């Protein structure tokens, strides 16, 4: 939200400055060439697009990964020290079997219910 407010203020400042330059040129009766006006408007438009598109530069894949890592981090925060130690031990098993985190958690829940 704060980011959008900053963008809106910056955009308003840019277009206000361009407007003031145009009004000043008209009041002082300076001969402003059509190309100078066009360059000013183009610069304002490009700058405005850059300001508003800068937030969309983050790839979608990294957003998905951050959500997944957030869920995993929250789940790991809920585990006790004993459960974390058990998880580490199971993931490091030396019999060559590749275990997924889901398999380890399912087995741990099964053993916990059986107690």
PDB file of N, CA and C in Angstrom:
ATOM      1  N   UNK A   1       0.823  -1.185   0.000  1.00  0.00           N
ATOM      2  CA  UNK A   1       0.000   0.000   0.000  1.00  0.00           C
ATOM      3  C   UNK A   1       0.872   1.255   0.000  1.00  0.00           C
ATOM      4  N   UNK A   2       1.895   1.282   0.865  1.00  0.00           N
ATOM      5  CA  UNK A   2       2.784   2.437   0.922  1.00  0.00           C
ATOM      6  C   UNK A   2       3.500   2.627  -0.406  1.00  0.00           C
ATOM      7  N   UNK A   3       3.805   1.529  -1.059  1.00  0.00           N
ATOM      8  CA  UNK A   3       4.489   1.591  -2.335  1.00  0.00           C
ATOM      9  C   UNK A   3       3.624   2.294  -3.382  1.00  0.00           C
ATOM     10  N   UNK A   4       2.329   1.975  -3.394  1.00  0.00           N
ATOM     11  CA  UNK A   4       1.420   2.631  -4.346  1.00  0.00           C
ATOM     12  C   UNK A   4       1.277   4.117  -4.036  1.00  0.00           C
ATOM     13  N   UNK A   5       1.266   4.474  -2.766  1.00  0.00           N
ATOM     14  CA  UNK A   5       1.176   5.884  -2.389  1.00  0.00           C
ATOM     15  C   UNK A   5       2.409   6.635  -2.881  1.00  0.00           C
ATOM     16  N   UNK A   6       3.569   6.039  -2.712  1.00  0.00           N
ATOM     17  CA  UNK A   6       4.805   6.675  -3.178  1.00  0.00           C
ATOM     18  C   UNK A   6       4.785   6.834  -4.697  1.00  0.00           C
ATOM     19  N   UNK A   7       4.285   5.833  -5.409  1.00  0.00           N
ATOM     20  CA  UNK A   7       4.191   5.912  -6.867  1.00  0.00           C
ATOM     21  C   UNK A   7       3.236   7.022  -7.296  1.00  0.00           C
ATOM     22  N   UNK A   8       2.096   7.120  -6.595  1.00  0.00           N
ATOM     23  CA  UNK A   8       1.125   8.155  -6.947  1.00  0.00           C
ATOM     24  C   UNK A   8       1.717   9.546  -6.715  1.00  0.00           C
ATOM     25  N   UNK A   9       2.419   9.742  -5.619  1.00  0.00           N
ATOM     26  CA  UNK A   9       3.022  11.041  -5.325  1.00  0.00           C
ATOM     27  C   UNK A   9       4.087  11.373  -6.362  1.00  0.00           C
ATOM     28  N   UNK A  10       4.934  10.393  -6.685  1.00  0.00           N
ATOM     29  CA  UNK A  10       5.982  10.619  -7.682  1.00  0.00           C
ATOM     30  C   UNK A  10       5.392  10.956  -9.046  1.00  0.00           C
ATOM     31  N   UNK A  11       4.357  10.244  -9.437  1.00  0.00           N
ATOM     32  CA  UNK A  11       3.691  10.514 -10.717  1.00  0.00           C
ATOM     33  C   UNK A  11       3.092  11.923 -10.727  1.00  0.00           C
ATOM     34  N   UNK A  12       2.461  12.305  -9.632  1.00  0.00           N
ATOM     35  CA  UNK A  12       1.880  13.647  -9.544  1.00  0.00           C
ATOM     36  C   UNK A  12       2.961  14.720  -9.636  1.00  0.00           C
ATOM     37  N   UNK A  13       4.105  14.495  -8.995  1.00  0.00           N
ATOM     38  CA  UNK A  13       5.196  15.474  -9.046  1.00  0.00           C
ATOM     39  C   UNK A  13       5.716  15.622 -10.481  1.00  0.00           C
ATOM     40  N   UNK A  14       5.893  14.503 -11.172  1.00  0.00           N
ATOM     41  CA  UNK A  14       6.402  14.546 -12.550  1.00  0.00           C
ATOM     42  C   UNK A  14       5.463  15.337 -13.451  1.00  0.00           C
ATOM     43  N   UNK A  15       4.171  15.009 -13.424  1.00  0.00           N
ATOM     44  CA  UNK A  15       3.225  15.661 -14.316  1.00  0.00           C
ATOM     45  C   UNK A  15       2.967  17.115 -13.908  1.00  0.00           C
ATOM     46  N   UNK A  16       3.058  17.407 -12.615  1.00  0.00           N
ATOM     47  CA  UNK A  16       2.934  18.794 -12.170  1.00  0.00           C
ATOM     48  C   UNK A  16       4.108  19.631 -12.679  1.00  0.00           C
ATOM     49  N   UNK A  17       5.308  19.061 -12.611  1.00  0.00           N
ATOM     50  CA  UNK A  17       6.489  19.771 -13.122  1.00  0.00           C
ATOM     51  C   UNK A  17       6.362  20.033 -14.618  1.00  0.00           C
ATOM     52  N   UNK A  18       5.897  19.045 -15.378  1.00  0.00           N
ATOM     53  CA  UNK A  18       5.703  19.246 -16.818  1.00  0.00           C
ATOM     54  C   UNK A  18       4.641  20.315 -17.096  1.00  0.00           C
ATOM     55  N   UNK A  19       3.570  20.303 -16.314  1.00  0.00           N
ATOM     56  CA  UNK A  19       2.522  21.301 -16.475  1.00  0.00           C
ATOM     57  C   UNK A  19       3.051  22.704 -16.165  1.00  0.00           C
ATOM     58  N   UNK A  20       3.818  22.823 -15.087  1.00  0.00           N
ATOM     59  CA  UNK A  20       4.386  24.129 -14.734  1.00  0.00           C
ATOM     60  C   UNK A  20       5.333  24.643 -15.818  1.00  0.00           C
ATOM     61  N   UNK A  21       6.114  23.745 -16.396  1.00  0.00           N
ATOM     62  CA  UNK A  21       7.011  24.159 -17.478  1.00  0.00           C
ATOM     63  C   UNK A  21       6.208  24.652 -18.680  1.00  0.00           C
ATOM     64  N   UNK A  22       5.132  23.964 -19.009  1.00  0.00           N
ATOM     65  CA  UNK A  22       4.309  24.356 -20.152  1.00  0.00           C
ATOM     66  C   UNK A  22       3.611  25.691 -19.887  1.00  0.00           C
ATOM     67  N   UNK A  23       3.061  25.867 -18.695  1.00  0.00           N
ATOM     68  CA  UNK A  23       2.383  27.112 -18.352  1.00  0.00           C
ATOM     69  C   UNK A  23       3.374  28.274 -18.354  1.00  0.00           C
ATOM     70  N   UNK A  24       4.564  28.040 -17.800  1.00  0.00           N
ATOM     71  CA  UNK A  24       5.593  29.082 -17.785  1.00  0.00           C
ATOM     72  C   UNK A  24       5.967  29.484 -19.208  1.00  0.00           C
ATOM     73  N   UNK A  25       6.109  28.509 -20.086  1.00  0.00           N
ATOM     74  CA  UNK A  25       6.448  28.818 -21.481  1.00  0.00           C
ATOM     75  C   UNK A  25       5.350  29.623 -22.147  1.00  0.00           C
ATOM     76  N   UNK A  26       4.085  29.325 -21.826  1.00  0.00           N
ATOM     77  CA  UNK A  26       2.982  30.074 -22.435  1.00  0.00           C
ATOM     78  C   UNK A  26       2.882  31.488 -21.863  1.00  0.00           C
ATOM     79  N   UNK A  27       3.060  31.640 -20.569  1.00  0.00           N
ATOM     80  CA  UNK A  27       2.933  32.953 -19.927  1.00  0.00           C
ATOM     81  C   UNK A  27       4.055  33.888 -20.375  1.00  0.00           C
ATOM     82  N   UNK A  28       5.253  33.365 -20.475  1.00  0.00           N
ATOM     83  CA  UNK A  28       6.389  34.209 -20.875  1.00  0.00           C
ATOM     84  C   UNK A  28       6.465  34.368 -22.382  1.00  0.00           C
ATOM     85  N   UNK A  29       5.531  33.758 -23.052  1.00  0.00           N
ATOM     86  CA  UNK A  29       5.449  33.822 -24.521  1.00  0.00           C
ATOM     87  C   UNK A  29       6.745  33.355 -25.185  1.00  0.00           C
ATOM     88  N   UNK A  30       7.338  32.355 -24.562  1.00  0.00           N
ATOM     89  CA  UNK A  30       8.525  31.736 -25.142  1.00  0.00           C
ATOM     90  C   UNK A  30       8.075  30.875 -26.303  1.00  0.00           C
ATOM     91  N   UNK A  31       8.816  30.912 -27.364  1.00  0.00           N
ATOM     92  CA  UNK A  31       8.420  30.088 -28.497  1.00  0.00           C
ATOM     93  C   UNK A  31       8.844  28.645 -28.204  1.00  0.00           C
ATOM     94  N   UNK A  32       7.868  27.856 -27.816  1.00  0.00           N
ATOM     95  CA  UNK A  32       8.116  26.445 -27.501  1.00  0.00           C
ATOM     96  C   UNK A  32       7.805  25.653 -28.751  1.00  0.00           C
ATOM     97  N   UNK A  33       8.804  24.977 -29.205  1.00  0.00           N
ATOM     98  CA  UNK A  33       8.664  24.187 -30.417  1.00  0.00           C
ATOM     99  C   UNK A  33       7.792  22.961 -30.149  1.00  0.00           C
ATOM    100  N   UNK A  34       7.068  22.503 -31.157  1.00  0.00           N
ATOM    101  CA  UNK A  34       6.233  21.307 -31.048  1.00  0.00           C
ATOM    102  C   UNK A  34       7.047  20.114 -30.578  1.00  0.00           C
ATOM    103  N   UNK A  35       8.274  19.989 -31.056  1.00  0.00           N
ATOM    104  CA  UNK A  35       9.106  18.841 -30.699  1.00  0.00           C
ATOM    105  C   UNK A  35       9.504  18.877 -29.223  1.00  0.00           C
ATOM    106  N   UNK A  36       9.709  20.061 -28.669  1.00  0.00           N
ATOM    107  CA  UNK A  36      10.045  20.165 -27.246  1.00  0.00           C
ATOM    108  C   UNK A  36       8.874  19.709 -26.380  1.00  0.00           C
ATOM    109  N   UNK A  37       7.665  20.086 -26.784  1.00  0.00           N
ATOM    110  CA  UNK A  37       6.469  19.641 -26.051  1.00  0.00           C
ATOM    111  C   UNK A  37       6.335  18.129 -26.157  1.00  0.00           C
ATOM    112  N   UNK A  38       6.535  17.606 -27.358  1.00  0.00           N
ATOM    113  CA  UNK A  38       6.435  16.164 -27.576  1.00  0.00           C
ATOM    114  C   UNK A  38       7.480  15.409 -26.758  1.00  0.00           C
ATOM    115  N   UNK A  39       8.699  15.908 -26.705  1.00  0.00           N
ATOM    116  CA  UNK A  39       9.764  15.266 -25.914  1.00  0.00           C
ATOM    117  C   UNK A  39       9.406  15.290 -24.427  1.00  0.00           C
ATOM    118  N   UNK A  40       8.874  16.419 -23.945  1.00  0.00           N
ATOM    119  CA  UNK A  40       8.460  16.510 -22.540  1.00  0.00           C
ATOM    120  C   UNK A  40       7.361  15.525 -22.199  1.00  0.00           C
ATOM    121  N   UNK A  41       6.346  15.443 -23.059  1.00  0.00           N
ATOM    122  CA  UNK A  41       5.254  14.491 -22.824  1.00  0.00           C
ATOM    123  C   UNK A  41       5.745  13.046 -22.898  1.00  0.00           C
ATOM    124  N   UNK A  42       6.621  12.772 -23.862  1.00  0.00           N
ATOM    125  CA  UNK A  42       7.174  11.418 -23.979  1.00  0.00           C
ATOM    126  C   UNK A  42       8.000  11.036 -22.761  1.00  0.00           C
ATOM    127  N   UNK A  43       8.815  11.998 -22.291  1.00  0.00           N
ATOM    128  CA  UNK A  43       9.631  11.725 -21.092  1.00  0.00           C
ATOM    129  C   UNK A  43       8.744  11.479 -19.876  1.00  0.00           C
ATOM    130  N   UNK A  44       7.673  12.253 -19.755  1.00  0.00           N
ATOM    131  CA  UNK A  44       6.743  12.038 -18.640  1.00  0.00           C
ATOM    132  C   UNK A  44       6.058  10.690 -18.713  1.00  0.00           C
ATOM    133  N   UNK A  45       5.653  10.308 -19.914  1.00  0.00           N
ATOM    134  CA  UNK A  45       4.977   9.017 -20.088  1.00  0.00           C
ATOM    135  C   UNK A  45       5.920   7.854 -19.807  1.00  0.00           C
ATOM    136  N   UNK A  46       7.137   7.927 -20.339  1.00  0.00           N
ATOM    137  CA  UNK A  46       8.104   6.840 -20.119  1.00  0.00           C
ATOM    138  C   UNK A  46       8.460   6.735 -18.641  1.00  0.00           C
ATOM    139  N   UNK A  47       8.679   7.872 -17.998  1.00  0.00           N
ATOM    140  CA  UNK A  47       9.018   7.857 -16.579  1.00  0.00           C
ATOM    141  C   UNK A  47       7.866   7.289 -15.752  1.00  0.00           C
ATOM    142  N   UNK A  48       6.646   7.666 -16.082  1.00  0.00           N
ATOM    143  CA  UNK A  48       5.482   7.142 -15.365  1.00  0.00           C
ATOM    144  C   UNK A  48       5.360   5.632 -15.550  1.00  0.00           C
ATOM    145  N   UNK A  49       5.561   5.148 -16.775  1.00  0.00           N
ATOM    146  CA  UNK A  49       5.510   3.694 -17.014  1.00  0.00           C
ATOM    147  C   UNK A  49       6.595   2.984 -16.223  1.00  0.00           C
ATOM    148  N   UNK A  50       7.785   3.550 -16.197  1.00  0.00           N
ATOM    149  CA  UNK A  50       8.887   2.932 -15.450  1.00  0.00           C
ATOM    150  C   UNK A  50       8.555   2.853 -13.962  1.00  0.00           C
ATOM    151  N   UNK A  51       7.997   3.905 -13.419  1.00  0.00           N
ATOM    152  CA  UNK A  51       7.660   3.926 -11.986  1.00  0.00           C
ATOM    153  C   UNK A  51       6.614   2.862 -11.662  1.00  0.00           C
ATOM    154  N   UNK A  52       5.584   2.753 -12.471  1.00  0.00           N
ATOM    155  CA  UNK A  52       4.503   1.820 -12.160  1.00  0.00           C
ATOM    156  C   UNK A  52       4.835   0.378 -12.531  1.00  0.00           C
ATOM    157  N   UNK A  53       5.719   0.143 -13.503  1.00  0.00           N
ATOM    158  CA  UNK A  53       6.074  -1.222 -13.880  1.00  0.00           C
ATOM    159  C   UNK A  53       7.230  -1.776 -13.058  1.00  0.00           C
ATOM    160  N   UNK A  54       7.900  -0.964 -12.275  1.00  0.00           N
ATOM    161  CA  UNK A  54       9.053  -1.439 -11.514  1.00  0.00           C
ATOM    162  C   UNK A  54       8.663  -2.483 -10.480  1.00  0.00           C
ATOM    163  N   UNK A  55       7.434  -2.457  -9.992  1.00  0.00           N
ATOM    164  CA  UNK A  55       7.009  -3.443  -8.991  1.00  0.00           C
ATOM    165  C   UNK A  55       6.729  -4.801  -9.617  1.00  0.00           C
ATOM    166  N   UNK A  56       6.476  -4.841 -10.922  1.00  0.00           N
ATOM    167  CA  UNK A  56       6.151  -6.101 -11.593  1.00  0.00           C
ATOM    168  C   UNK A  56       7.377  -6.831 -12.102  1.00  0.00           C
ATOM    169  N   UNK A  57       8.573  -6.376 -11.742  1.00  0.00           N
ATOM    170  CA  UNK A  57       9.784  -6.974 -12.278  1.00  0.00           C
ATOM    171  C   UNK A  57      10.137  -8.296 -11.599  1.00  0.00           C
ATOM    172  N   UNK A  58       9.499  -8.630 -10.476  1.00  0.00           N
ATOM    173  CA  UNK A  58       9.786  -9.864  -9.755  1.00  0.00           C
ATOM    174  C   UNK A  58       9.157 -11.036 -10.499  1.00  0.00           C
ATOM    175  N   UNK A  59       9.943 -12.061 -10.825  1.00  0.00           N
ATOM    176  CA  UNK A  59       9.390 -13.205 -11.564  1.00  0.00           C
ATOM    177  C   UNK A  59       8.347 -13.968 -10.753  1.00  0.00           C
ATOM    178  N   UNK A  60       7.393 -14.553 -11.451  1.00  0.00           N
ATOM    179  CA  UNK A  60       6.319 -15.299 -10.784  1.00  0.00           C
ATOM    180  C   UNK A  60       6.856 -16.527 -10.066  1.00  0.00           C
ATOM    181  N   UNK A  61       7.907 -17.158 -10.596  1.00  0.00           N
ATOM    182  CA  UNK A  61       8.453 -18.346  -9.966  1.00  0.00           C
ATOM    183  C   UNK A  61       8.995 -18.050  -8.576  1.00  0.00           C
ATOM    184  N   UNK A  62       9.679 -16.945  -8.414  1.00  0.00           N
ATOM    185  CA  UNK A  62      10.229 -16.629  -7.109  1.00  0.00           C
ATOM    186  C   UNK A  62       9.117 -16.310  -6.116  1.00  0.00           C
ATOM    187  N   UNK A  63       7.998 -15.759  -6.592  1.00  0.00           N
ATOM    188  CA  UNK A  63       6.870 -15.498  -5.701  1.00  0.00           C
ATOM    189  C   UNK A  63       6.289 -16.810  -5.197  1.00  0.00           C
ATOM    190  N   UNK A  64       6.142 -17.795  -6.070  1.00  0.00           N
ATOM    191  CA  UNK A  64       5.640 -19.107  -5.667  1.00  0.00           C
ATOM    192  C   UNK A  64       6.584 -19.798  -4.709  1.00  0.00           C
ATOM    193  N   UNK A  65       7.881 -19.682  -4.957  1.00  0.00           N
ATOM    194  CA  UNK A  65       8.859 -20.298  -4.076  1.00  0.00           C
ATOM    195  C   UNK A  65       8.837 -19.650  -2.704  1.00  0.00           C
ATOM    196  N   UNK A  66       8.674 -18.351  -2.645  1.00  0.00           N
ATOM    197  CA  UNK A  66       8.645 -17.695  -1.345  1.00  0.00           C
ATOM    198  C   UNK A  66       7.410 -18.111  -0.563  1.00  0.00           C
ATOM    199  N   UNK A  67       6.285 -18.352  -1.241  1.00  0.00           N
ATOM    200  CA  UNK A  67       5.096 -18.835  -0.545  1.00  0.00           C
ATOM    201  C   UNK A  67       5.337 -20.227   0.006  1.00  0.00           C
ATOM    202  N   UNK A  68       5.941 -21.095  -0.825  1.00  0.00           N
ATOM    203  CA  UNK A  68       6.210 -22.451  -0.351  1.00  0.00           C
ATOM    204  C   UNK A  68       7.179 -22.441   0.812  1.00  0.00           C
ATOM    205  N   UNK A  69       8.250 -21.676   0.690  1.00  0.00           N
ATOM    206  CA  UNK A  69       9.219 -21.653   1.776  1.00  0.00           C
ATOM    207  C   UNK A  69       8.589 -21.054   3.021  1.00  0.00           C
ATOM    208  N   UNK A  70       7.659 -20.140   2.871  1.00  0.00           N
ATOM    209  CA  UNK A  70       6.963 -19.576   4.019  1.00  0.00           C
ATOM    210  C   UNK A  70       6.145 -20.626   4.743  1.00  0.00           C
ATOM    211  N   UNK A  71       5.465 -21.483   3.984  1.00  0.00           N
ATOM    212  CA  UNK A  71       4.682 -22.554   4.611  1.00  0.00           C
ATOM    213  C   UNK A  71       5.587 -23.534   5.327  1.00  0.00           C
ATOM    214  N   UNK A  72       6.696 -23.889   4.689  1.00  0.00           N
ATOM    215  CA  UNK A  72       7.634 -24.834   5.309  1.00  0.00           C
ATOM    216  C   UNK A  72       8.231 -24.222   6.567  1.00  0.00           C
ATOM    217  N   UNK A  73       8.606 -22.949   6.495  1.00  0.00           N
ATOM    218  CA  UNK A  73       9.163 -22.284   7.670  1.00  0.00           C
ATOM    219  C   UNK A  73       8.165 -22.260   8.819  1.00  0.00           C
ATOM    220  N   UNK A  74       6.889 -21.963   8.509  1.00  0.00           N
ATOM    221  CA  UNK A  74       5.864 -21.951   9.571  1.00  0.00           C
ATOM    222  C   UNK A  74       5.687 -23.344  10.171  1.00  0.00           C
ATOM    223  N   UNK A  75       5.722 -24.377   9.314  1.00  0.00           N
ATOM    224  CA  UNK A  75       5.558 -25.731   9.820  1.00  0.00           C
ATOM    225  C   UNK A  75       6.742 -26.127  10.699  1.00  0.00           C
ATOM    226  N   UNK A  76       7.953 -25.784  10.267  1.00  0.00           N
ATOM    227  CA  UNK A  76       9.134 -26.124  11.055  1.00  0.00           C
ATOM    228  C   UNK A  76       9.160 -25.359  12.372  1.00  0.00           C
ATOM    229  N   UNK A  77       8.633 -24.153  12.394  1.00  0.00           N
ATOM    230  CA  UNK A  77       8.570 -23.381  13.637  1.00  0.00           C
ATOM    231  C   UNK A  77       7.667 -24.049  14.667  1.00  0.00           C
ATOM    232  N   UNK A  78       6.675 -24.797  14.201  1.00  0.00           N
ATOM    233  CA  UNK A  78       5.742 -25.461  15.111  1.00  0.00           C
ATOM    234  C   UNK A  78       6.329 -26.721  15.734  1.00  0.00           C
ATOM    235  N   UNK A  79       7.389 -27.273  15.138  1.00  0.00           N
ATOM    236  CA  UNK A  79       7.982 -28.504  15.647  1.00  0.00           C
ATOM    237  C   UNK A  79       8.815 -28.228  16.895  1.00  0.00           C
ATOM    238  N   UNK A  80       8.784 -29.192  17.835  1.00  0.00           N
ATOM    239  CA  UNK A  80       9.622 -29.065  19.025  1.00  0.00           C
ATOM    240  C   UNK A  80      11.061 -29.431  18.662  1.00  0.00           C
ATOM    241  N   UNK A  81      11.986 -29.203  19.590  1.00  0.00           N
ATOM    242  CA  UNK A  81      13.396 -29.529  19.341  1.00  0.00           C
ATOM    243  C   UNK A  81      13.575 -31.035  19.115  1.00  0.00           C
ATOM    244  N   UNK A  82      12.840 -31.848  19.854  1.00  0.00           N
ATOM    245  CA  UNK A  82      12.940 -33.301  19.688  1.00  0.00           C
ATOM    246  C   UNK A  82      12.433 -33.717  18.304  1.00  0.00           C
ATOM    247  N   UNK A  83      11.337 -33.114  17.865  1.00  0.00           N
ATOM    248  CA  UNK A  83      10.792 -33.433  16.555  1.00  0.00           C
ATOM    249  C   UNK A  83      11.734 -32.977  15.440  1.00  0.00           C
ATOM    250  N   UNK A  84      12.381 -31.834  15.623  1.00  0.00           N
ATOM    251  CA  UNK A  84      13.355 -31.371  14.639  1.00  0.00           C
ATOM    252  C   UNK A  84      14.554 -32.304  14.560  1.00  0.00           C
ATOM    253  N   UNK A  85      15.012 -32.768  15.724  1.00  0.00           N
ATOM    254  CA  UNK A  85      16.142 -33.699  15.744  1.00  0.00           C
ATOM    255  C   UNK A  85      15.767 -35.001  15.047  1.00  0.00           C
ATOM    256  N   UNK A  86      14.554 -35.480  15.287  1.00  0.00           N
ATOM    257  CA  UNK A  86      14.088 -36.710  14.639  1.00  0.00           C
ATOM    258  C   UNK A  86      13.978 -36.513  13.134  1.00  0.00           C
ATOM    259  N   UNK A  87      13.488 -35.370  12.724  1.00  0.00           N
ATOM    260  CA  UNK A  87      13.370 -35.059  11.302  1.00  0.00           C
ATOM    261  C   UNK A  87      14.736 -35.031  10.640  1.00  0.00           C
ATOM    262  N   UNK A  88      15.694 -34.379  11.283  1.00  0.00           N
ATOM    263  CA  UNK A  88      17.054 -34.337  10.731  1.00  0.00           C
ATOM    264  C   UNK A  88      17.635 -35.737  10.603  1.00  0.00           C
ATOM    265  N   UNK A  89      17.444 -36.541  11.636  1.00  0.00           N
ATOM    266  CA  UNK A  89      17.984 -37.902  11.614  1.00  0.00           C
ATOM    267  C   UNK A  89      17.363 -38.727  10.495  1.00  0.00           C
ATOM    268  N   UNK A  90      16.070 -38.588  10.305  1.00  0.00           N
ATOM    269  CA  UNK A  90      15.397 -39.359   9.263  1.00  0.00           C
ATOM    270  C   UNK A  90      15.817 -38.922   7.869  1.00  0.00           C
ATOM    271  N   UNK A  91      16.044 -37.634   7.686  1.00  0.00           N
ATOM    272  CA  UNK A  91      16.441 -37.137   6.373  1.00  0.00           C
ATOM    273  C   UNK A  91      17.882 -37.490   6.036  1.00  0.00           C
ATOM    274  N   UNK A  92      18.687 -37.791   7.052  1.00  0.00           N
ATOM    275  CA  UNK A  92      20.096 -38.101   6.823  1.00  0.00           C
ATOM    276  C   UNK A  92      20.338 -39.611   6.826  1.00  0.00           C
ATOM    277  N   UNK A  93      19.308 -40.416   6.890  1.00  0.00           N
ATOM    278  CA  UNK A  93      19.482 -41.869   6.962  1.00  0.00           C
ATOM    279  C   UNK A  93      20.489 -42.354   5.933  1.00  0.00           C
ATOM    280  N   UNK A  94      21.332 -43.306   6.356  1.00  0.00           N
ATOM    281  CA  UNK A  94      22.450 -43.728   5.510  1.00  0.00           C
ATOM    282  C   UNK A  94      22.153 -44.974   4.682  1.00  0.00           C
ATOM    283  N   UNK A  95      20.932 -45.479   4.681  1.00  0.00           N
ATOM    284  CA  UNK A  95      20.651 -46.689   3.909  1.00  0.00           C
ATOM    285  C   UNK A  95      20.415 -46.405   2.436  1.00  0.00           C
ATOM    286  N   UNK A  96      20.578 -45.171   2.006  1.00  0.00           N
ATOM    287  CA  UNK A  96      20.451 -44.837   0.597  1.00  0.00           C
ATOM    288  C   UNK A  96      19.027 -44.558   0.152  1.00  0.00           C
ATOM    289  N   UNK A  97      18.063 -44.796   1.030  1.00  0.00           N
ATOM    290  CA  UNK A  97      16.665 -44.562   0.678  1.00  0.00           C
ATOM    291  C   UNK A  97      16.387 -43.064   0.707  1.00  0.00           C
ATOM    292  N   UNK A  98      15.782 -42.587  -0.352  1.00  0.00           N
ATOM    293  CA  UNK A  98      15.448 -41.173  -0.430  1.00  0.00           C
ATOM    294  C   UNK A  98      14.060 -40.986   0.153  1.00  0.00           C
ATOM    295  N   UNK A  99      13.972 -40.231   1.231  1.00  0.00           N
ATOM    296  CA  UNK A  99      12.696 -39.987   1.884  1.00  0.00           C
ATOM    297  C   UNK A  99      12.238 -38.572   1.596  1.00  0.00           C
ATOM    298  N   UNK A 100      10.961 -38.447   1.395  1.00  0.00           N
ATOM    299  CA  UNK A 100      10.428 -37.097   1.241  1.00  0.00           C
ATOM    300  C   UNK A 100      10.009 -36.583   2.613  1.00  0.00           C
ATOM    301  N   UNK A 101       9.935 -35.295   2.736  1.00  0.00           N
ATOM    302  CA  UNK A 101       9.525 -34.684   3.991  1.00  0.00           C
ATOM    303  C   UNK A 101       8.113 -35.124   4.355  1.00  0.00           C
ATOM    304  N   UNK A 102       7.268 -35.270   3.369  1.00  0.00           N
ATOM    305  CA  UNK A 102       5.889 -35.700   3.610  1.00  0.00           C
ATOM    306  C   UNK A 102       5.851 -37.110   4.200  1.00  0.00           C
ATOM    307  N   UNK A 103       6.698 -38.030   3.678  1.00  0.00           N
ATOM    308  CA  UNK A 103       6.758 -39.395   4.213  1.00  0.00           C
ATOM    309  C   UNK A 103       7.189 -39.391   5.666  1.00  0.00           C
ATOM    310  N   UNK A 104       8.192 -38.587   5.982  1.00  0.00           N
ATOM    311  CA  UNK A 104       8.696 -38.514   7.351  1.00  0.00           C
ATOM    312  C   UNK A 104       7.630 -37.979   8.289  1.00  0.00           C
ATOM    313  N   UNK A 105       6.932 -36.940   7.879  1.00  0.00           N
ATOM    314  CA  UNK A 105       5.894 -36.363   8.727  1.00  0.00           C
ATOM    315  C   UNK A 105       4.725 -37.311   8.915  1.00  0.00           C
ATOM    316  N   UNK A 106       4.340 -38.006   7.858  1.00  0.00           N
ATOM    317  CA  UNK A 106       3.243 -38.968   7.962  1.00  0.00           C
ATOM    318  C   UNK A 106       3.588 -40.080   8.934  1.00  0.00           C
ATOM    319  N   UNK A 107       4.802 -40.602   8.830  1.00  0.00           N
ATOM    320  CA  UNK A 107       5.224 -41.672   9.735  1.00  0.00           C
ATOM    321  C   UNK A 107       5.314 -41.168  11.169  1.00  0.00           C
ATOM    322  N   UNK A 108       5.788 -39.948  11.345  1.00  0.00           N
ATOM    323  CA  UNK A 108       5.887 -39.374  12.691  1.00  0.00           C
ATOM    324  C   UNK A 108       4.503 -39.208  13.307  1.00  0.00           C
ATOM    325  N   UNK A 109       3.525 -38.744  12.508  1.00  0.00           N
ATOM    326  CA  UNK A 109       2.159 -38.599  13.010  1.00  0.00           C
ATOM    327  C   UNK A 109       1.572 -39.957  13.381  1.00  0.00           C
ATOM    328  N   UNK A 110       1.854 -40.963  12.559  1.00  0.00           N
ATOM    329  CA  UNK A 110       1.345 -42.305  12.823  1.00  0.00           C
ATOM    330  C   UNK A 110       1.887 -42.831  14.144  1.00  0.00           C
ATOM    331  N   UNK A 111       3.198 -42.624  14.375  1.00  0.00           N
ATOM    332  CA  UNK A 111       3.808 -43.101  15.624  1.00  0.00           C
ATOM    333  C   UNK A 111       3.276 -42.318  16.824  1.00  0.00           C
ATOM    334  N   UNK A 112       3.021 -41.019  16.649  1.00  0.00           N
ATOM    335  CA  UNK A 112       2.523 -40.185  17.736  1.00  0.00           C
ATOM    336  C   UNK A 112       1.110 -40.620  18.129  1.00  0.00           C
ATOM    337  N   UNK A 113       0.285 -40.955  17.185  1.00  0.00           N
ATOM    338  CA  UNK A 113      -1.080 -41.407  17.460  1.00  0.00           C
ATOM    339  C   UNK A 113      -1.088 -42.779  18.130  1.00  0.00           C
ATOM    340  N   UNK A 114      -0.090 -43.576  17.823  1.00  0.00           N
ATOM    341  CA  UNK A 114      -0.019 -44.927  18.370  1.00  0.00           C
ATOM    342  C   UNK A 114       0.409 -44.954  19.821  1.00  0.00           C
ATOM    343  N   UNK A 115       0.964 -43.860  20.332  1.00  0.00           N
ATOM    344  CA  UNK A 115       1.429 -43.817  21.738  1.00  0.00           C
ATOM    345  C   UNK A 115       0.319 -43.752  22.711  1.00  0.00           C
TER     346      UNK A 115
END
